[in-house]
Amino acid sequence: MEKYNLMDNCKTFVELVNQTHSPEQEPNALLVKRYLEQNIEILNEILLCSTEHLKKLHSVKESNEIICIQAKLTHDISKKLMYAAQQFMSNSLGNVGDYNEWLKAHCDFATD
């Protein structure tokens, strides 16, 4: 049954997050930390959105209401995923800039 798959997947996800070790190098540690935060944030947003729409399902009277709730859920999740992807890319590009600065500060680019 799907609800058991959800529970298993949630358990596996939490275990993997807890087992993920942060690299010792500063820029990579920041990237891993932000990746984990964004992953958790995305999943939390989707679960929250699904929960809100499930609550609406309890008061439906007609089949077209069910279809509308499903369409709204799909639309809302798509918007949340798109926004999260944009944020992820924006943060990643910012981290690339930070990484370049870190390289300049920690690597000897001097030529003789």
PDB file of N, CA and C in Angstrom:
ATOM      1  N   MET A   1       0.842  -1.182   0.000  1.00  0.00           N
ATOM      2  CA  MET A   1       0.000   0.000   0.000  1.00  0.00           C
ATOM      3  C   MET A   1       0.888   1.246   0.000  1.00  0.00           C
ATOM      4  N   GLU A   2       0.447   2.290  -0.687  1.00  0.00           N
ATOM      5  CA  GLU A   2       1.255   3.488  -0.877  1.00  0.00           C
ATOM      6  C   GLU A   2       1.632   4.196   0.419  1.00  0.00           C
ATOM      7  N   LYS A   3       0.740   4.177   1.420  1.00  0.00           N
ATOM      8  CA  LYS A   3       1.073   4.894   2.653  1.00  0.00           C
ATOM      9  C   LYS A   3       2.261   4.245   3.358  1.00  0.00           C
ATOM     10  N   TYR A   4       2.424   2.941   3.187  1.00  0.00           N
ATOM     11  CA  TYR A   4       3.582   2.281   3.780  1.00  0.00           C
ATOM     12  C   TYR A   4       4.849   2.644   3.018  1.00  0.00           C
ATOM     13  N   ASN A   5       4.746   2.784   1.702  1.00  0.00           N
ATOM     14  CA  ASN A   5       5.893   3.242   0.921  1.00  0.00           C
ATOM     15  C   ASN A   5       6.306   4.638   1.356  1.00  0.00           C
ATOM     16  N   LEU A   6       5.332   5.506   1.606  1.00  0.00           N
ATOM     17  CA  LEU A   6       5.625   6.861   2.059  1.00  0.00           C
ATOM     18  C   LEU A   6       6.369   6.826   3.388  1.00  0.00           C
ATOM     19  N   MET A   7       5.883   6.027   4.301  1.00  0.00           N
ATOM     20  CA  MET A   7       6.533   5.919   5.609  1.00  0.00           C
ATOM     21  C   MET A   7       7.949   5.364   5.479  1.00  0.00           C
ATOM     22  N   ASP A   8       8.115   4.339   4.659  1.00  0.00           N
ATOM     23  CA  ASP A   8       9.446   3.771   4.431  1.00  0.00           C
ATOM     24  C   ASP A   8      10.371   4.791   3.784  1.00  0.00           C
ATOM     25  N   ASN A   9       9.852   5.513   2.794  1.00  0.00           N
ATOM     26  CA  ASN A   9      10.666   6.520   2.114  1.00  0.00           C
ATOM     27  C   ASN A   9      11.060   7.652   3.057  1.00  0.00           C
ATOM     28  N   CYS A  10      10.136   8.069   3.916  1.00  0.00           N
ATOM     29  CA  CYS A  10      10.444   9.114   4.900  1.00  0.00           C
ATOM     30  C   CYS A  10      11.518   8.636   5.874  1.00  0.00           C
ATOM     31  N   LYS A  11      11.381   7.414   6.318  1.00  0.00           N
ATOM     32  CA  LYS A  11      12.366   6.844   7.247  1.00  0.00           C
ATOM     33  C   LYS A  11      13.739   6.776   6.582  1.00  0.00           C
ATOM     34  N   THR A  12      13.783   6.298   5.350  1.00  0.00           N
ATOM     35  CA  THR A  12      15.047   6.208   4.617  1.00  0.00           C
ATOM     36  C   THR A  12      15.650   7.588   4.410  1.00  0.00           C
ATOM     37  N   PHE A  13      14.816   8.559   4.054  1.00  0.00           N
ATOM     38  CA  PHE A  13      15.290   9.927   3.840  1.00  0.00           C
ATOM     39  C   PHE A  13      15.925  10.486   5.112  1.00  0.00           C
ATOM     40  N   VAL A  14      15.234  10.350   6.239  1.00  0.00           N
ATOM     41  CA  VAL A  14      15.748  10.863   7.509  1.00  0.00           C
ATOM     42  C   VAL A  14      17.065  10.177   7.868  1.00  0.00           C
ATOM     43  N   GLU A  15      17.133   8.871   7.666  1.00  0.00           N
ATOM     44  CA  GLU A  15      18.372   8.139   7.953  1.00  0.00           C
ATOM     45  C   GLU A  15      19.521   8.653   7.089  1.00  0.00           C
ATOM     46  N   LEU A  16      19.256   8.860   5.806  1.00  0.00           N
ATOM     47  CA  LEU A  16      20.301   9.350   4.905  1.00  0.00           C
ATOM     48  C   LEU A  16      20.743  10.763   5.268  1.00  0.00           C
ATOM     49  N   VAL A  17      19.803  11.609   5.641  1.00  0.00           N
ATOM     50  CA  VAL A  17      20.163  12.966   6.067  1.00  0.00           C
ATOM     51  C   VAL A  17      21.046  12.892   7.307  1.00  0.00           C
ATOM     52  N   ASN A  18      20.671  12.057   8.253  1.00  0.00           N
ATOM     53  CA  ASN A  18      21.454  11.921   9.484  1.00  0.00           C
ATOM     54  C   ASN A  18      22.829  11.309   9.242  1.00  0.00           C
ATOM     55  N   GLN A  19      22.958  10.478   8.213  1.00  0.00           N
ATOM     56  CA  GLN A  19      24.232   9.821   7.919  1.00  0.00           C
ATOM     57  C   GLN A  19      25.149  10.669   7.040  1.00  0.00           C
ATOM     58  N   THR A  20      24.619  11.734   6.465  1.00  0.00           N
ATOM     59  CA  THR A  20      25.414  12.558   5.562  1.00  0.00           C
ATOM     60  C   THR A  20      26.416  13.365   6.371  1.00  0.00           C
ATOM     61  N   HIS A  21      27.678  13.152   6.055  1.00  0.00           N
ATOM     62  CA  HIS A  21      28.745  13.863   6.748  1.00  0.00           C
ATOM     63  C   HIS A  21      29.161  15.073   5.931  1.00  0.00           C
ATOM     64  N   SER A  22      29.428  16.129   6.629  1.00  0.00           N
ATOM     65  CA  SER A  22      29.861  17.355   5.971  1.00  0.00           C
ATOM     66  C   SER A  22      31.351  17.255   5.653  1.00  0.00           C
ATOM     67  N   PRO A  23      31.729  17.583   4.427  1.00  0.00           N
ATOM     68  CA  PRO A  23      33.153  17.560   4.077  1.00  0.00           C
ATOM     69  C   PRO A  23      33.937  18.565   4.927  1.00  0.00           C
ATOM     70  N   GLU A  24      35.217  18.332   5.051  1.00  0.00           N
ATOM     71  CA  GLU A  24      36.044  19.223   5.862  1.00  0.00           C
ATOM     72  C   GLU A  24      36.358  20.532   5.151  1.00  0.00           C
ATOM     73  N   GLN A  25      36.444  20.506   3.824  1.00  0.00           N
ATOM     74  CA  GLN A  25      36.752  21.726   3.095  1.00  0.00           C
ATOM     75  C   GLN A  25      35.574  22.689   3.196  1.00  0.00           C
ATOM     76  N   GLU A  26      35.905  23.946   3.460  1.00  0.00           N
ATOM     77  CA  GLU A  26      34.897  24.970   3.703  1.00  0.00           C
ATOM     78  C   GLU A  26      33.862  25.120   2.588  1.00  0.00           C
ATOM     79  N   PRO A  27      34.245  25.294   1.343  1.00  0.00           N
ATOM     80  CA  PRO A  27      33.189  25.516   0.343  1.00  0.00           C
ATOM     81  C   PRO A  27      32.290  24.298   0.148  1.00  0.00           C
ATOM     82  N   ASN A  28      32.872  23.106   0.196  1.00  0.00           N
ATOM     83  CA  ASN A  28      32.068  21.893   0.018  1.00  0.00           C
ATOM     84  C   ASN A  28      31.133  21.664   1.199  1.00  0.00           C
ATOM     85  N   ALA A  29      31.593  21.986   2.391  1.00  0.00           N
ATOM     86  CA  ALA A  29      30.754  21.838   3.582  1.00  0.00           C
ATOM     87  C   ALA A  29      29.524  22.735   3.480  1.00  0.00           C
ATOM     88  N   LEU A  30      29.720  23.946   2.997  1.00  0.00           N
ATOM     89  CA  LEU A  30      28.603  24.871   2.827  1.00  0.00           C
ATOM     90  C   LEU A  30      27.627  24.372   1.769  1.00  0.00           C
ATOM     91  N   LEU A  31      28.157  23.831   0.679  1.00  0.00           N
ATOM     92  CA  LEU A  31      27.300  23.302  -0.383  1.00  0.00           C
ATOM     93  C   LEU A  31      26.461  22.124   0.110  1.00  0.00           C
ATOM     94  N   VAL A  32      27.079  21.212   0.847  1.00  0.00           N
ATOM     95  CA  VAL A  32      26.355  20.048   1.376  1.00  0.00           C
ATOM     96  C   VAL A  32      25.290  20.502   2.364  1.00  0.00           C
ATOM     97  N   LYS A  33      25.648  21.432   3.242  1.00  0.00           N
ATOM     98  CA  LYS A  33      24.692  21.941   4.237  1.00  0.00           C
ATOM     99  C   LYS A  33      23.484  22.563   3.549  1.00  0.00           C
ATOM    100  N   ARG A  34      23.738  23.405   2.568  1.00  0.00           N
ATOM    101  CA  ARG A  34      22.636  24.077   1.867  1.00  0.00           C
ATOM    102  C   ARG A  34      21.798  23.076   1.074  1.00  0.00           C
ATOM    103  N   TYR A  35      22.454  22.088   0.471  1.00  0.00           N
ATOM    104  CA  TYR A  35      21.732  21.057  -0.280  1.00  0.00           C
ATOM    105  C   TYR A  35      20.754  20.326   0.634  1.00  0.00           C
ATOM    106  N   LEU A  36      21.217  19.925   1.810  1.00  0.00           N
ATOM    107  CA  LEU A  36      20.353  19.217   2.760  1.00  0.00           C
ATOM    108  C   LEU A  36      19.194  20.105   3.215  1.00  0.00           C
ATOM    109  N   GLU A  37      19.499  21.363   3.528  1.00  0.00           N
ATOM    110  CA  GLU A  37      18.448  22.284   3.960  1.00  0.00           C
ATOM    111  C   GLU A  37      17.370  22.438   2.892  1.00  0.00           C
ATOM    112  N   GLN A  38      17.804  22.619   1.656  1.00  0.00           N
ATOM    113  CA  GLN A  38      16.844  22.812   0.572  1.00  0.00           C
ATOM    114  C   GLN A  38      16.035  21.550   0.298  1.00  0.00           C
ATOM    115  N   ASN A  39      16.667  20.405   0.393  1.00  0.00           N
ATOM    116  CA  ASN A  39      15.959  19.141   0.202  1.00  0.00           C
ATOM    117  C   ASN A  39      14.847  18.989   1.232  1.00  0.00           C
ATOM    118  N   ILE A  40      15.174  19.239   2.482  1.00  0.00           N
ATOM    119  CA  ILE A  40      14.196  19.129   3.566  1.00  0.00           C
ATOM    120  C   ILE A  40      13.094  20.166   3.384  1.00  0.00           C
ATOM    121  N   GLU A  41      13.490  21.368   3.011  1.00  0.00           N
ATOM    122  CA  GLU A  41      12.525  22.448   2.790  1.00  0.00           C
ATOM    123  C   GLU A  41      11.520  22.085   1.689  1.00  0.00           C
ATOM    124  N   ILE A  42      12.014  21.550   0.587  1.00  0.00           N
ATOM    125  CA  ILE A  42      11.148  21.170  -0.534  1.00  0.00           C
ATOM    126  C   ILE A  42      10.156  20.086  -0.105  1.00  0.00           C
ATOM    127  N   LEU A  43      10.658  19.042   0.534  1.00  0.00           N
ATOM    128  CA  LEU A  43       9.770  17.952   0.962  1.00  0.00           C
ATOM    129  C   LEU A  43       8.739  18.439   1.968  1.00  0.00           C
ATOM    130  N   ASN A  44       9.159  19.298   2.873  1.00  0.00           N
ATOM    131  CA  ASN A  44       8.237  19.837   3.865  1.00  0.00           C
ATOM    132  C   ASN A  44       7.139  20.668   3.200  1.00  0.00           C
ATOM    133  N   GLU A  45       7.515  21.489   2.228  1.00  0.00           N
ATOM    134  CA  GLU A  45       6.530  22.303   1.503  1.00  0.00           C
ATOM    135  C   GLU A  45       5.511  21.424   0.770  1.00  0.00           C
ATOM    136  N   ILE A  46       5.990  20.365   0.138  1.00  0.00           N
ATOM    137  CA  ILE A  46       5.089  19.474  -0.597  1.00  0.00           C
ATOM    138  C   ILE A  46       4.142  18.748   0.362  1.00  0.00           C
ATOM    139  N   LEU A  47       4.661  18.268   1.480  1.00  0.00           N
ATOM    140  CA  LEU A  47       3.798  17.598   2.461  1.00  0.00           C
ATOM    141  C   LEU A  47       2.771  18.559   3.047  1.00  0.00           C
ATOM    142  N   LEU A  48       3.190  19.778   3.331  1.00  0.00           N
ATOM    143  CA  LEU A  48       2.269  20.781   3.861  1.00  0.00           C
ATOM    144  C   LEU A  48       1.167  21.092   2.852  1.00  0.00           C
ATOM    145  N   CYS A  49       1.546  21.262   1.608  1.00  0.00           N
ATOM    146  CA  CYS A  49       0.588  21.531   0.531  1.00  0.00           C
ATOM    147  C   CYS A  49      -0.393  20.361   0.385  1.00  0.00           C
ATOM    148  N   SER A  50       0.116  19.157   0.391  1.00  0.00           N
ATOM    149  CA  SER A  50      -0.737  17.968   0.272  1.00  0.00           C
ATOM    150  C   SER A  50      -1.705  17.863   1.448  1.00  0.00           C
ATOM    151  N   THR A  51      -1.221  18.160   2.630  1.00  0.00           N
ATOM    152  CA  THR A  51      -2.061  18.113   3.827  1.00  0.00           C
ATOM    153  C   THR A  51      -3.206  19.113   3.732  1.00  0.00           C
ATOM    154  N   GLU A  52      -2.885  20.324   3.293  1.00  0.00           N
ATOM    155  CA  GLU A  52      -3.925  21.351   3.154  1.00  0.00           C
ATOM    156  C   GLU A  52      -5.002  20.915   2.158  1.00  0.00           C
ATOM    157  N   HIS A  53      -4.583  20.299   1.063  1.00  0.00           N
ATOM    158  CA  HIS A  53      -5.547  19.861   0.058  1.00  0.00           C
ATOM    159  C   HIS A  53      -6.339  18.633   0.518  1.00  0.00           C
ATOM    160  N   LEU A  54      -5.715  17.765   1.292  1.00  0.00           N
ATOM    161  CA  LEU A  54      -6.452  16.619   1.845  1.00  0.00           C
ATOM    162  C   LEU A  54      -7.556  17.078   2.790  1.00  0.00           C
ATOM    163  N   LYS A  55      -7.288  18.132   3.546  1.00  0.00           N
ATOM    164  CA  LYS A  55      -8.318  18.670   4.440  1.00  0.00           C
ATOM    165  C   LYS A  55      -9.530  19.142   3.643  1.00  0.00           C
ATOM    166  N   LYS A  56      -9.283  19.755   2.490  1.00  0.00           N
ATOM    167  CA  LYS A  56     -10.377  20.225   1.634  1.00  0.00           C
ATOM    168  C   LYS A  56     -11.198  19.049   1.099  1.00  0.00           C
ATOM    169  N   LEU A  57     -10.533  17.929   0.894  1.00  0.00           N
ATOM    170  CA  LEU A  57     -11.194  16.746   0.348  1.00  0.00           C
ATOM    171  C   LEU A  57     -12.298  16.221   1.274  1.00  0.00           C
ATOM    172  N   HIS A  58     -12.167  16.491   2.566  1.00  0.00           N
ATOM    173  CA  HIS A  58     -13.143  15.998   3.544  1.00  0.00           C
ATOM    174  C   HIS A  58     -14.514  16.651   3.405  1.00  0.00           C
ATOM    175  N   SER A  59     -14.569  17.791   2.737  1.00  0.00           N
ATOM    176  CA  SER A  59     -15.852  18.496   2.652  1.00  0.00           C
ATOM    177  C   SER A  59     -16.446  18.523   1.239  1.00  0.00           C
ATOM    178  N   VAL A  60     -15.909  17.718   0.330  1.00  0.00           N
ATOM    179  CA  VAL A  60     -16.430  17.723  -1.043  1.00  0.00           C
ATOM    180  C   VAL A  60     -17.780  17.012  -1.120  1.00  0.00           C
ATOM    181  N   LYS A  61     -18.570  17.489  -2.081  1.00  0.00           N
ATOM    182  CA  LYS A  61     -19.886  16.887  -2.283  1.00  0.00           C
ATOM    183  C   LYS A  61     -20.047  16.338  -3.696  1.00  0.00           C
ATOM    184  N   GLU A  62     -19.248  16.846  -4.624  1.00  0.00           N
ATOM    185  CA  GLU A  62     -19.384  16.429  -6.015  1.00  0.00           C
ATOM    186  C   GLU A  62     -18.027  16.055  -6.602  1.00  0.00           C
ATOM    187  N   SER A  63     -18.083  15.243  -7.653  1.00  0.00           N
ATOM    188  CA  SER A  63     -16.842  14.761  -8.267  1.00  0.00           C
ATOM    189  C   SER A  63     -16.019  15.888  -8.886  1.00  0.00           C
ATOM    190  N   ASN A  64     -16.676  16.929  -9.393  1.00  0.00           N
ATOM    191  CA  ASN A  64     -15.902  18.022  -9.981  1.00  0.00           C
ATOM    192  C   ASN A  64     -15.073  18.755  -8.926  1.00  0.00           C
ATOM    193  N   GLU A  65     -15.528  18.745  -7.676  1.00  0.00           N
ATOM    194  CA  GLU A  65     -14.751  19.350  -6.591  1.00  0.00           C
ATOM    195  C   GLU A  65     -13.460  18.558  -6.351  1.00  0.00           C
ATOM    196  N   ILE A  66     -13.559  17.241  -6.437  1.00  0.00           N
ATOM    197  CA  ILE A  66     -12.378  16.386  -6.266  1.00  0.00           C
ATOM    198  C   ILE A  66     -11.370  16.672  -7.375  1.00  0.00           C
ATOM    199  N   ILE A  67     -11.870  16.780  -8.598  1.00  0.00           N
ATOM    200  CA  ILE A  67     -10.999  17.059  -9.742  1.00  0.00           C
ATOM    201  C   ILE A  67     -10.336  18.427  -9.578  1.00  0.00           C
ATOM    202  N   CYS A  68     -11.094  19.412  -9.114  1.00  0.00           N
ATOM    203  CA  CYS A  68     -10.539  20.753  -8.905  1.00  0.00           C
ATOM    204  C   CYS A  68      -9.470  20.755  -7.808  1.00  0.00           C
ATOM    205  N   ILE A  69      -9.718  20.020  -6.740  1.00  0.00           N
ATOM    206  CA  ILE A  69      -8.731  19.933  -5.657  1.00  0.00           C
ATOM    207  C   ILE A  69      -7.448  19.288  -6.175  1.00  0.00           C
ATOM    208  N   GLN A  70      -7.584  18.219  -6.954  1.00  0.00           N
ATOM    209  CA  GLN A  70      -6.403  17.546  -7.513  1.00  0.00           C
ATOM    210  C   GLN A  70      -5.643  18.477  -8.456  1.00  0.00           C
ATOM    211  N   ALA A  71      -6.379  19.201  -9.297  1.00  0.00           N
ATOM    212  CA  ALA A  71      -5.731  20.135 -10.226  1.00  0.00           C
ATOM    213  C   ALA A  71      -5.005  21.238  -9.464  1.00  0.00           C
ATOM    214  N   LYS A  72      -5.642  21.759  -8.418  1.00  0.00           N
ATOM    215  CA  LYS A  72      -5.021  22.815  -7.605  1.00  0.00           C
ATOM    216  C   LYS A  72      -3.789  22.279  -6.893  1.00  0.00           C
ATOM    217  N   LEU A  73      -3.870  21.071  -6.368  1.00  0.00           N
ATOM    218  CA  LEU A  73      -2.714  20.455  -5.712  1.00  0.00           C
ATOM    219  C   LEU A  73      -1.549  20.335  -6.687  1.00  0.00           C
ATOM    220  N   THR A  74      -1.825  19.811  -7.864  1.00  0.00           N
ATOM    221  CA  THR A  74      -0.780  19.645  -8.874  1.00  0.00           C
ATOM    222  C   THR A  74      -0.170  20.988  -9.242  1.00  0.00           C
ATOM    223  N   HIS A  75      -1.010  21.987  -9.423  1.00  0.00           N
ATOM    224  CA  HIS A  75      -0.537  23.328  -9.764  1.00  0.00           C
ATOM    225  C   HIS A  75       0.319  23.912  -8.635  1.00  0.00           C
ATOM    226  N   ASP A  76      -0.159  23.809  -7.403  1.00  0.00           N
ATOM    227  CA  ASP A  76       0.571  24.361  -6.259  1.00  0.00           C
ATOM    228  C   ASP A  76       1.917  23.671  -6.062  1.00  0.00           C
ATOM    229  N   ILE A  77       1.945  22.350  -6.206  1.00  0.00           N
ATOM    230  CA  ILE A  77       3.208  21.621  -6.064  1.00  0.00           C
ATOM    231  C   ILE A  77       4.176  22.024  -7.172  1.00  0.00           C
ATOM    232  N   SER A  78       3.680  22.166  -8.387  1.00  0.00           N
ATOM    233  CA  SER A  78       4.538  22.591  -9.504  1.00  0.00           C
ATOM    234  C   SER A  78       5.150  23.960  -9.229  1.00  0.00           C
ATOM    235  N   LYS A  79       4.337  24.884  -8.716  1.00  0.00           N
ATOM    236  CA  LYS A  79       4.845  26.221  -8.389  1.00  0.00           C
ATOM    237  C   LYS A  79       5.917  26.143  -7.303  1.00  0.00           C
ATOM    238  N   LYS A  80       5.661  25.343  -6.281  1.00  0.00           N
ATOM    239  CA  LYS A  80       6.620  25.218  -5.185  1.00  0.00           C
ATOM    240  C   LYS A  80       7.933  24.596  -5.668  1.00  0.00           C
ATOM    241  N   LEU A  81       7.839  23.585  -6.519  1.00  0.00           N
ATOM    242  CA  LEU A  81       9.045  22.954  -7.050  1.00  0.00           C
ATOM    243  C   LEU A  81       9.826  23.911  -7.943  1.00  0.00           C
ATOM    244  N   MET A  82       9.119  24.679  -8.762  1.00  0.00           N
ATOM    245  CA  MET A  82       9.785  25.639  -9.635  1.00  0.00           C
ATOM    246  C   MET A  82      10.493  26.708  -8.811  1.00  0.00           C
ATOM    247  N   TYR A  83       9.817  27.221  -7.801  1.00  0.00           N
ATOM    248  CA  TYR A  83      10.424  28.227  -6.936  1.00  0.00           C
ATOM    249  C   TYR A  83      11.644  27.653  -6.218  1.00  0.00           C
ATOM    250  N   ALA A  84      11.513  26.444  -5.703  1.00  0.00           N
ATOM    251  CA  ALA A  84      12.629  25.803  -5.000  1.00  0.00           C
ATOM    252  C   ALA A  84      13.808  25.583  -5.942  1.00  0.00           C
ATOM    253  N   ALA A  85      13.529  25.179  -7.180  1.00  0.00           N
ATOM    254  CA  ALA A  85      14.599  24.976  -8.163  1.00  0.00           C
ATOM    255  C   ALA A  85      15.295  26.293  -8.470  1.00  0.00           C
ATOM    256  N   GLN A  86      14.528  27.368  -8.597  1.00  0.00           N
ATOM    257  CA  GLN A  86      15.121  28.682  -8.848  1.00  0.00           C
ATOM    258  C   GLN A  86      15.989  29.115  -7.677  1.00  0.00           C
ATOM    259  N   GLN A  87      15.498  28.907  -6.460  1.00  0.00           N
ATOM    260  CA  GLN A  87      16.276  29.254  -5.269  1.00  0.00           C
ATOM    261  C   GLN A  87      17.554  28.426  -5.190  1.00  0.00           C
ATOM    262  N   PHE A  88      17.423  27.143  -5.494  1.00  0.00           N
ATOM    263  CA  PHE A  88      18.576  26.251  -5.453  1.00  0.00           C
ATOM    264  C   PHE A  88      19.645  26.710  -6.437  1.00  0.00           C
ATOM    265  N   MET A  89      19.227  27.030  -7.662  1.00  0.00           N
ATOM    266  CA  MET A  89      20.184  27.491  -8.674  1.00  0.00           C
ATOM    267  C   MET A  89      20.795  28.826  -8.281  1.00  0.00           C
ATOM    268  N   SER A  90      19.989  29.713  -7.763  1.00  0.00           N
ATOM    269  CA  SER A  90      20.484  31.017  -7.326  1.00  0.00           C
ATOM    270  C   SER A  90      21.522  30.859  -6.221  1.00  0.00           C
ATOM    271  N   ASN A  91      21.205  30.029  -5.237  1.00  0.00           N
ATOM    272  CA  ASN A  91      22.155  29.787  -4.144  1.00  0.00           C
ATOM    273  C   ASN A  91      23.406  29.082  -4.638  1.00  0.00           C
ATOM    274  N   SER A  92      23.237  28.149  -5.555  1.00  0.00           N
ATOM    275  CA  SER A  92      24.394  27.431  -6.093  1.00  0.00           C
ATOM    276  C   SER A  92      25.318  28.376  -6.839  1.00  0.00           C
ATOM    277  N   LEU A  93      24.741  29.270  -7.630  1.00  0.00           N
ATOM    278  CA  LEU A  93      25.564  30.244  -8.350  1.00  0.00           C
ATOM    279  C   LEU A  93      26.276  31.169  -7.377  1.00  0.00           C
ATOM    280  N   GLY A  94      25.590  31.543  -6.297  1.00  0.00           N
ATOM    281  CA  GLY A  94      26.238  32.347  -5.261  1.00  0.00           C
ATOM    282  C   GLY A  94      27.371  31.583  -4.618  1.00  0.00           C
ATOM    283  N   ASN A  95      27.172  30.290  -4.417  1.00  0.00           N
ATOM    284  CA  ASN A  95      28.224  29.464  -3.827  1.00  0.00           C
ATOM    285  C   ASN A  95      29.408  29.309  -4.766  1.00  0.00           C
ATOM    286  N   VAL A  96      29.162  29.315  -6.081  1.00  0.00           N
ATOM    287  CA  VAL A  96      30.265  29.251  -7.042  1.00  0.00           C
ATOM    288  C   VAL A  96      31.136  30.486  -6.886  1.00  0.00           C
ATOM    289  N   GLY A  97      30.486  31.650  -6.725  1.00  0.00           N
ATOM    290  CA  GLY A  97      31.241  32.883  -6.497  1.00  0.00           C
ATOM    291  C   GLY A  97      32.037  32.803  -5.208  1.00  0.00           C
ATOM    292  N   ASP A  98      31.412  32.299  -4.143  1.00  0.00           N
ATOM    293  CA  ASP A  98      32.109  32.130  -2.869  1.00  0.00           C
ATOM    294  C   ASP A  98      33.272  31.156  -3.015  1.00  0.00           C
ATOM    295  N   TYR A  99      33.063  30.096  -3.784  1.00  0.00           N
ATOM    296  CA  TYR A  99      34.107  29.100  -3.998  1.00  0.00           C
ATOM    297  C   TYR A  99      35.292  29.716  -4.733  1.00  0.00           C
ATOM    298  N   ASN A 100      35.008  30.548  -5.736  1.00  0.00           N
ATOM    299  CA  ASN A 100      36.092  31.221  -6.455  1.00  0.00           C
ATOM    300  C   ASN A 100      36.885  32.126  -5.522  1.00  0.00           C
ATOM    301  N   GLU A 101      36.186  32.834  -4.637  1.00  0.00           N
ATOM    302  CA  GLU A 101      36.873  33.687  -3.661  1.00  0.00           C
ATOM    303  C   GLU A 101      37.710  32.836  -2.709  1.00  0.00           C
ATOM    304  N   TRP A 102      37.177  31.701  -2.304  1.00  0.00           N
ATOM    305  CA  TRP A 102      37.911  30.806  -1.414  1.00  0.00           C
ATOM    306  C   TRP A 102      39.176  30.298  -2.097  1.00  0.00           C
ATOM    307  N   LEU A 103      39.049  29.930  -3.382  1.00  0.00           N
ATOM    308  CA  LEU A 103      40.220  29.476  -4.133  1.00  0.00           C
ATOM    309  C   LEU A 103      41.285  30.555  -4.191  1.00  0.00           C
ATOM    310  N   LYS A 104      40.870  31.780  -4.451  1.00  0.00           N
ATOM    311  CA  LYS A 104      41.823  32.893  -4.519  1.00  0.00           C
ATOM    312  C   LYS A 104      42.533  33.073  -3.187  1.00  0.00           C
ATOM    313  N   ALA A 105      41.800  32.928  -2.092  1.00  0.00           N
ATOM    314  CA  ALA A 105      42.374  33.135  -0.766  1.00  0.00           C
ATOM    315  C   ALA A 105      43.255  31.979  -0.315  1.00  0.00           C
ATOM    316  N   HIS A 106      42.973  30.763  -0.781  1.00  0.00           N
ATOM    317  CA  HIS A 106      43.672  29.590  -0.272  1.00  0.00           C
ATOM    318  C   HIS A 106      44.648  28.947  -1.251  1.00  0.00           C
ATOM    319  N   CYS A 107      44.671  29.406  -2.462  1.00  0.00           N
ATOM    320  CA  CYS A 107      45.569  28.811  -3.447  1.00  0.00           C
ATOM    321  C   CYS A 107      46.556  29.866  -3.927  1.00  0.00           C
ATOM    322  N   ASP A 108      47.752  29.435  -4.171  1.00  0.00           N
ATOM    323  CA  ASP A 108      48.784  30.355  -4.643  1.00  0.00           C
ATOM    324  C   ASP A 108      48.752  30.387  -6.164  1.00  0.00           C
ATOM    325  N   PHE A 109      48.230  31.486  -6.701  1.00  0.00           N
ATOM    326  CA  PHE A 109      48.178  31.649  -8.144  1.00  0.00           C
ATOM    327  C   PHE A 109      49.331  32.510  -8.650  1.00  0.00           C
ATOM    328  N   ALA A 110      50.261  32.818  -7.775  1.00  0.00           N
ATOM    329  CA  ALA A 110      51.376  33.694  -8.157  1.00  0.00           C
ATOM    330  C   ALA A 110      52.268  33.001  -9.176  1.00  0.00           C
ATOM    331  N   THR A 111      52.725  33.765 -10.104  1.00  0.00           N
ATOM    332  CA  THR A 111      53.664  33.241 -11.099  1.00  0.00           C
ATOM    333  C   THR A 111      54.961  34.007 -10.980  1.00  0.00           C
ATOM    334  N   ASP A 112      56.033  33.321 -11.199  1.00  0.00           N
ATOM    335  CA  ASP A 112      57.360  33.964 -11.120  1.00  0.00           C
ATOM    336  C   ASP A 112      57.897  34.237 -12.488  1.00  0.00           C
TER     337      ASP A 112
END
